């Protein structure tokens, strides 16, 4: 999709004004590939559904007190235009969401953040001037609740399409 300027996107590819200048990809990433930046290894977790290439990332970071396994998660929200029973440009979208929900439930981590601040309540957990406290992002209950809520929405929408 990057190489064709977004034209192959299963929803936005045919909408006027949503394309962009094509980008040459240096490396195509796959599930469980590792990206190394300096001494940091980032594990790629393919979590398709929201888009075909949606990915989350796991990495270890260390502060003065300890090491933390950090998840940067791509929560599988469902676009209004998505037909979970399948679409010509993405026939397995429903199966991909199912896979992603199963995968997300199995992940082990210490801290998590997401691509949208509201998904992990960043602005409630961290205010400007707050002291350093990574533990505020250790909210496993919020993570589990959000994954379960999104999965229930997936099930509801899939039933409504049948």
C-alpha atoms as a PDB file:
ATOM      1  CA  UNK A   1       0.000   0.000   0.000  1.00  0.00           C
ATOM      2  CA  UNK A   2       2.868   2.377   0.746  1.00  0.00           C
ATOM      3  CA  UNK A   3       4.408   1.635  -2.635  1.00  0.00           C
ATOM      4  CA  UNK A   4       1.196   2.486  -4.517  1.00  0.00           C
ATOM      5  CA  UNK A   5       0.436   5.678  -2.581  1.00  0.00           C
ATOM      6  CA  UNK A   6      -2.486   4.179  -0.676  1.00  0.00           C
ATOM      7  CA  UNK A   7      -4.536   3.193  -3.712  1.00  0.00           C
ATOM      8  CA  UNK A   8      -4.729  -0.457  -2.578  1.00  0.00           C
ATOM      9  CA  UNK A   9      -6.151   0.434   0.852  1.00  0.00           C
ATOM     10  CA  UNK A  10      -9.272  -1.684   1.289  1.00  0.00           C
ATOM     11  CA  UNK A  11     -11.417   1.288   2.367  1.00  0.00           C
ATOM     12  CA  UNK A  12      -9.728   4.571   1.540  1.00  0.00           C
ATOM     13  CA  UNK A  13      -7.908   3.522  -1.638  1.00  0.00           C
ATOM     14  CA  UNK A  14     -10.797   4.478  -3.913  1.00  0.00           C
ATOM     15  CA  UNK A  15     -11.726   7.742  -2.165  1.00  0.00           C
ATOM     16  CA  UNK A  16     -10.594  10.884  -3.949  1.00  0.00           C
ATOM     17  CA  UNK A  17      -7.993  12.864  -2.014  1.00  0.00           C
ATOM     18  CA  UNK A  18      -6.830  10.073   0.292  1.00  0.00           C
ATOM     19  CA  UNK A  19      -3.776   9.000  -1.673  1.00  0.00           C
ATOM     20  CA  UNK A  20      -0.223  10.117  -0.999  1.00  0.00           C
ATOM     21  CA  UNK A  21       3.143  10.099  -2.726  1.00  0.00           C
ATOM     22  CA  UNK A  22       4.353   6.491  -3.086  1.00  0.00           C
ATOM     23  CA  UNK A  23       6.990   5.418  -0.589  1.00  0.00           C
ATOM     24  CA  UNK A  24       9.798   2.967  -1.304  1.00  0.00           C
ATOM     25  CA  UNK A  25       9.785   0.299   1.387  1.00  0.00           C
ATOM     26  CA  UNK A  26      13.213  -0.715   2.684  1.00  0.00           C
ATOM     27  CA  UNK A  27      12.015  -3.886   4.397  1.00  0.00           C
ATOM     28  CA  UNK A  28       8.680  -5.680   4.619  1.00  0.00           C
ATOM     29  CA  UNK A  29       8.057  -6.716   8.209  1.00  0.00           C
ATOM     30  CA  UNK A  30       6.358  -9.941   9.244  1.00  0.00           C
ATOM     31  CA  UNK A  31       4.920 -11.303  12.479  1.00  0.00           C
ATOM     32  CA  UNK A  32       7.673 -11.792  15.091  1.00  0.00           C
ATOM     33  CA  UNK A  33      10.344  -9.991  13.082  1.00  0.00           C
ATOM     34  CA  UNK A  34      12.715  -7.865  15.124  1.00  0.00           C
ATOM     35  CA  UNK A  35      13.656  -4.268  14.470  1.00  0.00           C
ATOM     36  CA  UNK A  36      16.871  -3.108  16.113  1.00  0.00           C
ATOM     37  CA  UNK A  37      17.356   0.556  16.958  1.00  0.00           C
ATOM     38  CA  UNK A  38      20.630   1.050  18.770  1.00  0.00           C
ATOM     39  CA  UNK A  39      20.650  -1.547  21.547  1.00  0.00           C
ATOM     40  CA  UNK A  40      16.852  -1.801  21.610  1.00  0.00           C
ATOM     41  CA  UNK A  41      15.164  -4.791  19.979  1.00  0.00           C
ATOM     42  CA  UNK A  42      11.543  -4.282  19.007  1.00  0.00           C
ATOM     43  CA  UNK A  43       9.411  -7.355  18.370  1.00  0.00           C
ATOM     44  CA  UNK A  44       6.808  -6.865  15.622  1.00  0.00           C
ATOM     45  CA  UNK A  45       3.411  -8.461  16.284  1.00  0.00           C
ATOM     46  CA  UNK A  46       1.144  -8.572  13.247  1.00  0.00           C
ATOM     47  CA  UNK A  47      -2.377  -7.687  14.425  1.00  0.00           C
ATOM     48  CA  UNK A  48      -4.408  -7.342  11.208  1.00  0.00           C
ATOM     49  CA  UNK A  49      -8.019  -6.285  10.909  1.00  0.00           C
ATOM     50  CA  UNK A  50      -8.136  -2.542  11.421  1.00  0.00           C
ATOM     51  CA  UNK A  51      -5.804  -2.535   8.441  1.00  0.00           C
ATOM     52  CA  UNK A  52      -4.102  -5.452   6.719  1.00  0.00           C
ATOM     53  CA  UNK A  53      -0.744  -4.391   8.104  1.00  0.00           C
ATOM     54  CA  UNK A  54      -1.740  -3.336  11.618  1.00  0.00           C
ATOM     55  CA  UNK A  55       1.017  -4.199  14.046  1.00  0.00           C
ATOM     56  CA  UNK A  56       1.810  -3.918  17.716  1.00  0.00           C
ATOM     57  CA  UNK A  57       5.286  -3.856  19.209  1.00  0.00           C
ATOM     58  CA  UNK A  58       6.978  -5.304  22.297  1.00  0.00           C
ATOM     59  CA  UNK A  59      10.241  -3.959  23.634  1.00  0.00           C
ATOM     60  CA  UNK A  60      12.238  -3.954  26.833  1.00  0.00           C
ATOM     61  CA  UNK A  61      13.227  -0.647  28.377  1.00  0.00           C
ATOM     62  CA  UNK A  62      15.253  -0.054  31.489  1.00  0.00           C
ATOM     63  CA  UNK A  63      15.192   2.801  33.960  1.00  0.00           C
ATOM     64  CA  UNK A  64      17.160   3.274  37.206  1.00  0.00           C
ATOM     65  CA  UNK A  65      14.884   0.865  39.090  1.00  0.00           C
ATOM     66  CA  UNK A  66      14.191  -2.022  36.728  1.00  0.00           C
ATOM     67  CA  UNK A  67      13.507  -3.331  33.243  1.00  0.00           C
ATOM     68  CA  UNK A  68      10.025  -3.059  31.779  1.00  0.00           C
ATOM     69  CA  UNK A  69       8.422  -5.067  28.979  1.00  0.00           C
ATOM     70  CA  UNK A  70       6.463  -2.390  27.098  1.00  0.00           C
ATOM     71  CA  UNK A  71       3.636  -3.079  24.659  1.00  0.00           C
ATOM     72  CA  UNK A  72       2.764  -0.476  22.046  1.00  0.00           C
ATOM     73  CA  UNK A  73      -0.551  -1.917  20.949  1.00  0.00           C
ATOM     74  CA  UNK A  74      -2.625  -1.285  17.861  1.00  0.00           C
ATOM     75  CA  UNK A  75      -6.098  -1.769  19.323  1.00  0.00           C
ATOM     76  CA  UNK A  76      -8.368  -3.459  16.748  1.00  0.00           C
ATOM     77  CA  UNK A  77     -11.067  -0.824  16.434  1.00  0.00           C
ATOM     78  CA  UNK A  78     -13.435  -1.402  13.531  1.00  0.00           C
ATOM     79  CA  UNK A  79     -13.972   1.267  10.905  1.00  0.00           C
ATOM     80  CA  UNK A  80     -17.604   1.995  10.050  1.00  0.00           C
ATOM     81  CA  UNK A  81     -17.002   1.027   6.416  1.00  0.00           C
ATOM     82  CA  UNK A  82     -15.550  -2.395   7.288  1.00  0.00           C
ATOM     83  CA  UNK A  83     -17.699  -5.412   6.419  1.00  0.00           C
ATOM     84  CA  UNK A  84     -16.484  -8.159   8.745  1.00  0.00           C
ATOM     85  CA  UNK A  85     -18.027 -10.870   6.600  1.00  0.00           C
ATOM     86  CA  UNK A  86     -15.530  -9.876   3.913  1.00  0.00           C
ATOM     87  CA  UNK A  87     -14.920  -7.244   1.285  1.00  0.00           C
ATOM     88  CA  UNK A  88     -13.550  -7.643  -2.253  1.00  0.00           C
ATOM     89  CA  UNK A  89     -10.314  -5.863  -1.295  1.00  0.00           C
ATOM     90  CA  UNK A  90     -10.044  -7.706   2.067  1.00  0.00           C
ATOM     91  CA  UNK A  91     -11.993 -10.994   2.033  1.00  0.00           C
ATOM     92  CA  UNK A  92     -10.452 -12.331   5.283  1.00  0.00           C
ATOM     93  CA  UNK A  93     -10.941  -9.219   7.412  1.00  0.00           C
ATOM     94  CA  UNK A  94     -13.239 -10.993   9.892  1.00  0.00           C
ATOM     95  CA  UNK A  95     -10.810 -13.891  10.338  1.00  0.00           C
ATOM     96  CA  UNK A  96      -7.964 -11.425  10.822  1.00  0.00           C
ATOM     97  CA  UNK A  97      -9.846  -9.629  13.605  1.00  0.00           C
ATOM     98  CA  UNK A  98     -10.537 -12.976  15.302  1.00  0.00           C
ATOM     99  CA  UNK A  99      -6.825 -13.853  15.145  1.00  0.00           C
ATOM    100  CA  UNK A 100      -5.879 -10.449  16.550  1.00  0.00           C
ATOM    101  CA  UNK A 101      -8.247 -10.702  19.518  1.00  0.00           C
ATOM    102  CA  UNK A 102      -6.878 -14.154  20.359  1.00  0.00           C
ATOM    103  CA  UNK A 103      -3.303 -12.880  20.078  1.00  0.00           C
ATOM    104  CA  UNK A 104      -3.873  -9.759  22.201  1.00  0.00           C
ATOM    105  CA  UNK A 105      -5.336 -11.780  25.070  1.00  0.00           C
ATOM    106  CA  UNK A 106      -2.180 -13.909  25.315  1.00  0.00           C
ATOM    107  CA  UNK A 107       0.347 -11.071  25.476  1.00  0.00           C
ATOM    108  CA  UNK A 108       2.431 -10.585  28.600  1.00  0.00           C
ATOM    109  CA  UNK A 109       3.828  -7.145  29.399  1.00  0.00           C
ATOM    110  CA  UNK A 110       4.482  -4.738  32.266  1.00  0.00           C
ATOM    111  CA  UNK A 111       3.372  -1.436  30.711  1.00  0.00           C
ATOM    112  CA  UNK A 112       1.233  -0.609  27.719  1.00  0.00           C
ATOM    113  CA  UNK A 113       0.343   2.331  25.523  1.00  0.00           C
ATOM    114  CA  UNK A 114      -1.671   2.537  22.312  1.00  0.00           C
ATOM    115  CA  UNK A 115      -1.692   4.544  19.117  1.00  0.00           C
ATOM    116  CA  UNK A 116      -4.563   6.702  20.439  1.00  0.00           C
ATOM    117  CA  UNK A 117      -4.063   8.385  23.824  1.00  0.00           C
ATOM    118  CA  UNK A 118      -7.729   7.929  24.759  1.00  0.00           C
ATOM    119  CA  UNK A 119      -7.454   4.157  24.441  1.00  0.00           C
ATOM    120  CA  UNK A 120      -5.084   3.955  27.402  1.00  0.00           C
ATOM    121  CA  UNK A 121      -6.339   7.142  29.128  1.00  0.00           C
ATOM    122  CA  UNK A 122      -2.986   8.871  28.845  1.00  0.00           C
ATOM    123  CA  UNK A 123      -4.290  12.299  29.845  1.00  0.00           C
ATOM    124  CA  UNK A 124      -5.857  10.891  33.020  1.00  0.00           C
ATOM    125  CA  UNK A 125      -2.735   8.939  33.950  1.00  0.00           C
ATOM    126  CA  UNK A 126      -0.052  11.493  33.159  1.00  0.00           C
ATOM    127  CA  UNK A 127      -0.402  15.232  33.556  1.00  0.00           C
ATOM    128  CA  UNK A 128       2.300  17.823  32.754  1.00  0.00           C
ATOM    129  CA  UNK A 129       4.515  18.227  35.796  1.00  0.00           C
ATOM    130  CA  UNK A 130       3.692  14.823  37.291  1.00  0.00           C
ATOM    131  CA  UNK A 131       6.687  13.008  38.776  1.00  0.00           C
ATOM    132  CA  UNK A 132       8.212  10.086  36.893  1.00  0.00           C
ATOM    133  CA  UNK A 133       6.003   7.053  37.452  1.00  0.00           C
ATOM    134  CA  UNK A 134       5.914   4.407  34.705  1.00  0.00           C
ATOM    135  CA  UNK A 135       3.605   2.235  36.849  1.00  0.00           C
ATOM    136  CA  UNK A 136       0.637   4.372  35.790  1.00  0.00           C
ATOM    137  CA  UNK A 137       0.867   2.556  32.436  1.00  0.00           C
ATOM    138  CA  UNK A 138       0.698  -0.904  34.055  1.00  0.00           C
ATOM    139  CA  UNK A 139      -3.094  -0.933  33.850  1.00  0.00           C
ATOM    140  CA  UNK A 140      -3.744  -4.538  32.741  1.00  0.00           C
ATOM    141  CA  UNK A 141      -7.419  -4.268  33.705  1.00  0.00           C
ATOM    142  CA  UNK A 142      -7.940  -1.334  31.311  1.00  0.00           C
ATOM    143  CA  UNK A 143      -6.153  -3.285  28.577  1.00  0.00           C
ATOM    144  CA  UNK A 144      -8.225  -6.439  29.118  1.00  0.00           C
ATOM    145  CA  UNK A 145     -11.468  -4.462  29.395  1.00  0.00           C
ATOM    146  CA  UNK A 146     -10.768  -2.589  26.154  1.00  0.00           C
ATOM    147  CA  UNK A 147      -9.784  -5.726  24.236  1.00  0.00           C
ATOM    148  CA  UNK A 148     -12.923  -7.492  25.500  1.00  0.00           C
ATOM    149  CA  UNK A 149     -15.152  -4.515  24.636  1.00  0.00           C
ATOM    150  CA  UNK A 150     -13.730  -4.324  21.114  1.00  0.00           C
ATOM    151  CA  UNK A 151     -14.189  -8.071  20.693  1.00  0.00           C
ATOM    152  CA  UNK A 152     -17.821  -7.822  21.792  1.00  0.00           C
ATOM    153  CA  UNK A 153     -18.331  -5.036  19.236  1.00  0.00           C
ATOM    154  CA  UNK A 154     -16.739  -7.308  16.613  1.00  0.00           C
ATOM    155  CA  UNK A 155     -19.120 -10.171  17.530  1.00  0.00           C
ATOM    156  CA  UNK A 156     -22.148  -7.833  17.499  1.00  0.00           C
ATOM    157  CA  UNK A 157     -21.265  -6.389  14.104  1.00  0.00           C
ATOM    158  CA  UNK A 158     -20.521  -9.805  12.620  1.00  0.00           C
ATOM    159  CA  UNK A 159     -23.945 -11.074  13.768  1.00  0.00           C
ATOM    160  CA  UNK A 160     -25.662  -7.988  12.341  1.00  0.00           C
ATOM    161  CA  UNK A 161     -24.087  -8.669   8.936  1.00  0.00           C
ATOM    162  CA  UNK A 162     -25.507 -12.183   8.758  1.00  0.00           C
END
